[in-house]
Amino acid sequence: MVSLVAIAVNSPVERAPLDRAVPAIAVHELSKSFLSRHGTVLALQGVSLEVEEGAFLSVLGPSGCGKSTLMRIIAGLVPHESGKVAVRGRQVIQPRDEVGVVFQTPNLLPWRTVLGNLRLGLEIKGRVPSDIKTQLSAIVHLLGLEGFERSYPHELSGGMQQRAALGQVLMLQPQILLMDEPFGALDALTRDKMNIELLRIWEEQRQTTLFVTHSIQEAVFLSDRVVVFSPRPGRIVDNIRIDLPRPRKVRDVRRSQQFNDYVLRLGEIMGVS
């Protein structure tokens, strides 16, 4: 497996040193409302959480509870009225280069090949390095896209499109990944495969990851912690540490009593079991 650590050494991107004493993400008493034709809608109320450097945290909750809104606020894409949001000790007021965002729909340009889409973010930021071919090769290998480098999005399966979309973000070498239900539109089998792939990539890269999902099993399998949101307005109703051993093998983990206990516990919290 080709590691992106070697890529980072030669990267022109300035990467701030990690400070383990400072949370990668810190949210304190965050509230957010929107204006609609029916009046003011309170999406989030009094949300506080911290994500340690290198951790994988999932946000679980019903539709419309503000999970995606929280992610967009942390990404600097949506403003907030009250509370504080900081990324690596700095207040969030706009998008940051060290934060990468993966959405549910892979926003690939249909007239570009996989390689063309992978280099798109660097081109937009004017940061195409001299060793771009080396980086592209490493990303393609990491994502298992060998043989499809010159394929167009319509020639790829849904899972491969999502891998290419993840690759766009990884090419920018973010230290924090925000993922908004990236596998929600995939069929169950493909979704399971993507969970395994994502976990493999995270275990190699160890980027701090905040993962928004509706799936209890997905959250337990991937995460160090799972934060559960209430129906709108979104509030944190529980914060569960997942003490499953890493590295995680899907057969071993999902057959374990401990995994099933976590799934049942979260199901009870969410009122589905």
Protein backbone atom coordinates (compact mmCIF):
# COMPACT_ATOMS: atom_id res chain seq x y z
CA MET A 1 0.00 0.00 0.00
CA VAL A 2 1.40 3.43 -0.96
CA SER A 3 1.32 5.84 1.96
CA LEU A 4 0.46 9.51 1.53
CA VAL A 5 2.95 10.34 4.26
CA ALA A 6 5.66 10.43 1.60
CA ILE A 7 3.55 12.78 -0.47
CA ALA A 8 3.14 15.22 2.40
CA VAL A 9 6.92 15.55 2.73
CA ASN A 10 7.21 16.99 -0.77
CA SER A 11 3.99 18.99 -0.68
CA PRO A 12 4.07 22.77 -1.16
CA VAL A 13 1.13 23.04 1.26
CA GLU A 14 2.11 24.44 4.65
CA ARG A 15 0.76 22.08 7.31
CA ALA A 16 0.50 23.41 10.85
CA PRO A 17 2.07 21.15 13.50
CA LEU A 18 -0.32 19.06 15.55
CA ASP A 19 -1.01 20.10 19.13
CA ARG A 20 -2.56 17.11 20.89
CA ALA A 21 -3.57 19.33 23.81
CA VAL A 22 -5.94 21.30 21.56
CA PRO A 23 -9.03 19.54 20.15
CA ALA A 24 -9.13 19.25 16.38
CA ILE A 25 -12.75 20.44 16.52
CA ALA A 26 -14.35 22.28 19.44
CA VAL A 27 -18.02 23.34 19.46
CA HIS A 28 -19.48 25.18 22.45
CA GLU A 29 -23.15 26.04 23.01
CA LEU A 30 -23.79 26.28 19.26
CA SER A 31 -27.24 27.32 18.06
CA LYS A 32 -28.43 27.91 14.50
CA SER A 33 -31.75 29.01 13.05
CA PHE A 34 -33.05 29.54 9.52
CA LEU A 35 -35.77 31.74 8.10
CA SER A 36 -38.44 29.90 6.11
CA ARG A 37 -41.81 30.81 4.67
CA HIS A 38 -43.31 29.39 7.87
CA GLY A 39 -41.15 31.56 10.11
CA THR A 40 -37.94 30.93 12.02
CA VAL A 41 -36.77 27.31 12.23
CA LEU A 42 -34.38 26.42 15.04
CA ALA A 43 -32.04 23.77 13.60
CA LEU A 44 -29.47 23.41 16.40
CA GLN A 45 -29.69 24.35 20.08
CA GLY A 46 -26.91 24.38 22.66
CA VAL A 47 -24.63 21.87 20.91
CA SER A 48 -21.24 21.28 22.56
CA LEU A 49 -18.69 18.66 21.55
CA GLU A 50 -14.98 18.10 21.05
CA VAL A 51 -13.15 15.84 18.61
CA GLU A 52 -9.58 14.87 19.46
CA GLU A 53 -6.81 14.95 16.87
CA GLY A 54 -6.84 11.74 14.83
CA ALA A 55 -10.20 10.53 16.15
CA PHE A 56 -13.15 9.21 14.17
CA LEU A 57 -16.46 10.59 15.47
CA SER A 58 -19.88 9.85 13.98
CA VAL A 59 -22.94 12.06 14.36
CA LEU A 60 -26.11 9.98 14.41
CA GLY A 61 -29.70 11.18 14.39
CA PRO A 62 -33.03 11.37 12.54
CA SER A 63 -33.57 13.32 9.32
CA GLY A 64 -33.81 17.05 9.80
CA CYS A 65 -32.09 17.11 13.19
CA GLY A 66 -29.29 19.45 12.12
CA LYS A 67 -26.45 16.95 11.57
CA SER A 68 -25.56 18.33 8.14
CA THR A 69 -25.98 21.90 9.36
CA LEU A 70 -23.45 21.23 12.12
CA MET A 71 -20.98 19.86 9.58
CA ARG A 72 -21.39 22.86 7.28
CA ILE A 73 -20.85 25.27 10.16
CA ILE A 74 -17.64 23.49 11.16
CA ALA A 75 -16.54 23.61 7.51
CA GLY A 76 -17.08 27.38 7.44
CA LEU A 77 -19.77 27.08 4.77
CA VAL A 78 -22.68 28.28 6.94
CA PRO A 79 -22.58 31.04 9.62
CA HIS A 80 -23.99 30.59 13.12
CA GLU A 81 -25.74 33.03 15.43
CA SER A 82 -24.53 31.98 18.86
CA GLY A 83 -21.91 29.78 20.44
CA LYS A 84 -18.31 29.11 19.40
CA VAL A 85 -16.76 26.81 16.79
CA ALA A 86 -13.01 26.31 16.54
CA VAL A 87 -10.81 24.14 14.35
CA ARG A 88 -7.44 23.36 15.87
CA GLY A 89 -7.75 26.30 18.26
CA ARG A 90 -8.81 28.93 15.71
CA GLN A 91 -12.35 30.29 15.42
CA VAL A 92 -14.16 29.25 12.25
CA ILE A 93 -15.21 32.23 10.14
CA GLN A 94 -14.63 30.83 6.64
CA PRO A 95 -13.53 27.60 4.89
CA ARG A 96 -10.04 26.41 5.81
CA ASP A 97 -7.50 24.56 3.65
CA GLU A 98 -6.85 22.01 6.39
CA VAL A 99 -10.52 20.92 6.35
CA GLY A 100 -11.85 18.69 3.56
CA VAL A 101 -15.54 18.06 2.95
CA VAL A 102 -17.11 15.01 1.29
CA PHE A 103 -20.82 15.28 0.47
CA GLN A 104 -23.45 12.62 -0.17
CA THR A 105 -23.45 13.27 -3.92
CA PRO A 106 -20.06 12.95 -5.64
CA ASN A 107 -19.61 16.30 -7.38
CA LEU A 108 -17.51 15.02 -10.26
CA LEU A 109 -17.32 16.98 -13.49
CA PRO A 110 -18.79 14.70 -16.19
CA TRP A 111 -16.40 15.91 -18.91
CA ARG A 112 -13.32 15.10 -16.84
CA THR A 113 -11.72 11.72 -16.34
CA VAL A 114 -10.94 10.28 -12.91
CA LEU A 115 -7.45 11.81 -13.08
CA GLY A 116 -8.88 15.13 -14.22
CA ASN A 117 -11.36 15.19 -11.36
CA LEU A 118 -8.72 14.19 -8.82
CA ARG A 119 -6.55 17.17 -9.70
CA LEU A 120 -9.45 19.63 -9.92
CA GLY A 121 -9.23 20.98 -6.35
CA LEU A 122 -5.50 21.63 -6.67
CA GLU A 123 -6.06 23.44 -9.96
CA ILE A 124 -8.78 25.64 -8.46
CA LYS A 125 -6.48 26.59 -5.58
CA GLY A 126 -3.52 27.09 -7.90
CA ARG A 127 -1.50 24.50 -6.02
CA VAL A 128 -0.61 21.89 -8.65
CA PRO A 129 2.82 20.56 -7.55
CA SER A 130 5.61 19.49 -9.85
CA ASP A 131 5.23 15.88 -8.68
CA ILE A 132 1.47 15.74 -9.38
CA LYS A 133 1.84 12.43 -11.22
CA THR A 134 3.32 10.82 -8.11
CA GLN A 135 0.48 12.10 -5.95
CA LEU A 136 -2.16 10.99 -8.45
CA SER A 137 -0.63 7.53 -8.66
CA ALA A 138 -0.59 7.21 -4.87
CA ILE A 139 -4.22 8.33 -4.52
CA VAL A 140 -5.42 6.03 -7.30
CA HIS A 141 -3.66 3.11 -5.62
CA LEU A 142 -4.95 4.04 -2.17
CA LEU A 143 -8.55 4.14 -3.47
CA GLY A 144 -8.29 1.03 -5.60
CA LEU A 145 -9.03 2.88 -8.85
CA GLU A 146 -6.20 1.40 -10.93
CA GLY A 147 -7.34 0.82 -14.51
CA PHE A 148 -9.99 3.53 -14.32
CA GLU A 149 -7.75 6.58 -14.39
CA ARG A 150 -9.02 7.68 -17.82
CA SER A 151 -12.65 6.70 -17.25
CA TYR A 152 -15.40 9.31 -17.06
CA PRO A 153 -17.88 9.49 -14.16
CA HIS A 154 -20.70 7.86 -16.16
CA GLU A 155 -18.45 4.86 -16.74
CA LEU A 156 -17.99 4.26 -12.99
CA SER A 157 -20.19 2.51 -10.45
CA GLY A 158 -21.70 4.56 -7.62
CA GLY A 159 -19.10 3.30 -5.19
CA MET A 160 -16.23 4.16 -7.54
CA GLN A 161 -17.64 7.64 -8.08
CA GLN A 162 -17.72 8.18 -4.32
CA ARG A 163 -14.15 6.92 -4.03
CA ALA A 164 -13.09 9.41 -6.70
CA ALA A 165 -14.90 12.19 -4.81
CA LEU A 166 -13.03 11.20 -1.64
CA GLY A 167 -9.83 11.23 -3.68
CA GLN A 168 -10.47 14.83 -4.72
CA VAL A 169 -10.43 15.79 -1.06
CA LEU A 170 -7.44 13.61 -0.14
CA MET A 171 -5.41 15.23 -2.92
CA LEU A 172 -5.64 18.47 -0.92
CA GLN A 173 -4.10 16.67 2.07
CA PRO A 174 -6.57 17.91 4.70
CA GLN A 175 -5.89 17.23 8.36
CA ILE A 176 -9.62 17.09 9.10
CA LEU A 177 -12.29 15.25 7.09
CA LEU A 178 -15.98 16.17 7.31
CA MET A 179 -18.20 13.57 5.64
CA ASP A 180 -21.91 14.22 5.16
CA GLU A 181 -23.63 10.85 4.64
CA PRO A 182 -21.22 10.01 1.81
CA PHE A 183 -22.62 6.48 1.34
CA GLY A 184 -26.30 7.23 1.91
CA ALA A 185 -27.26 6.90 -1.75
CA LEU A 186 -25.49 3.57 -2.28
CA ASP A 187 -27.04 0.11 -2.15
CA ALA A 188 -26.45 -1.90 1.03
CA LEU A 189 -23.69 -4.13 -0.37
CA THR A 190 -21.75 -1.24 -1.91
CA ARG A 191 -22.20 0.76 1.28
CA ASP A 192 -20.67 -2.05 3.34
CA LYS A 193 -17.71 -2.24 0.95
CA MET A 194 -17.22 1.54 1.17
CA ASN A 195 -17.27 1.35 4.98
CA ILE A 196 -14.42 -1.16 4.82
CA GLU A 197 -12.50 1.00 2.32
CA LEU A 198 -12.99 4.16 4.37
CA LEU A 199 -11.81 2.43 7.53
CA ARG A 200 -8.73 1.11 5.72
CA ILE A 201 -7.89 4.60 4.43
CA TRP A 202 -8.51 6.21 7.83
CA GLU A 203 -6.32 3.66 9.60
CA GLU A 204 -3.50 4.52 7.20
CA GLN A 205 -3.98 8.30 7.15
CA ARG A 206 -5.47 8.99 10.62
CA GLN A 207 -7.09 12.27 9.63
CA THR A 208 -9.50 13.57 12.24
CA THR A 209 -12.91 12.58 10.86
CA LEU A 210 -16.44 13.76 11.61
CA PHE A 211 -18.88 11.44 9.87
CA VAL A 212 -22.62 12.20 9.55
CA THR A 213 -24.86 9.16 9.13
CA HIS A 214 -28.32 7.66 9.70
CA SER A 215 -26.93 4.14 10.07
CA ILE A 216 -26.33 2.83 13.59
CA GLN A 217 -24.25 -0.14 12.42
CA GLU A 218 -22.13 2.09 10.19
CA ALA A 219 -21.48 4.49 13.05
CA VAL A 220 -20.47 1.73 15.48
CA PHE A 221 -18.22 -0.05 12.97
CA LEU A 222 -16.29 3.08 11.99
CA SER A 223 -16.10 5.22 15.08
CA ASP A 224 -14.19 5.93 18.26
CA ARG A 225 -17.24 7.82 19.54
CA VAL A 226 -20.85 8.26 18.43
CA VAL A 227 -22.78 11.43 19.23
CA VAL A 228 -26.58 11.06 19.12
CA PHE A 229 -28.80 14.00 18.16
CA SER A 230 -32.41 14.59 19.16
CA PRO A 231 -35.08 15.49 16.58
CA ARG A 232 -35.08 19.18 15.59
CA PRO A 233 -33.91 21.35 17.15
CA GLY A 234 -30.81 19.20 17.26
CA ARG A 235 -29.36 18.68 20.72
CA ILE A 236 -26.84 16.08 21.83
CA VAL A 237 -28.71 13.46 23.86
CA ASP A 238 -25.84 11.01 24.29
CA ASN A 239 -22.14 10.60 23.59
CA ILE A 240 -21.04 6.95 23.41
CA ARG A 241 -17.41 5.81 23.34
CA ILE A 242 -16.93 2.76 21.11
CA ASP A 243 -14.33 0.53 22.74
CA LEU A 244 -13.89 -1.96 19.91
CA PRO A 245 -10.32 -3.00 19.10
CA ARG A 246 -8.48 -1.58 16.10
CA PRO A 247 -7.66 -2.47 13.41
CA ARG A 248 -11.22 -3.67 12.82
CA LYS A 249 -12.06 -6.60 10.59
CA VAL A 250 -15.66 -6.59 9.48
CA ARG A 251 -16.33 -10.29 10.19
CA ASP A 252 -14.76 -10.23 13.64
CA VAL A 253 -16.37 -6.95 14.69
CA ARG A 254 -19.90 -7.48 13.42
CA ARG A 255 -20.11 -10.99 14.87
CA SER A 256 -19.01 -9.84 18.31
CA GLN A 257 -21.40 -9.43 21.21
CA GLN A 258 -19.82 -6.10 22.04
CA PHE A 259 -20.71 -4.72 18.58
CA ASN A 260 -24.29 -5.90 18.90
CA ASP A 261 -24.55 -4.44 22.40
CA TYR A 262 -23.52 -1.02 21.05
CA VAL A 263 -26.03 -1.30 18.18
CA LEU A 264 -28.83 -2.20 20.61
CA ARG A 265 -27.88 0.57 23.03
CA LEU A 266 -27.87 3.22 20.29
CA GLY A 267 -31.09 1.85 18.88
CA GLU A 268 -32.75 2.26 22.26
CA ILE A 269 -31.45 5.83 22.57
CA MET A 270 -32.88 6.64 19.13
CA GLY A 271 -36.14 4.85 19.86
CA VAL A 272 -35.84 2.21 17.13
CA SER A 273 -35.35 -0.92 19.24
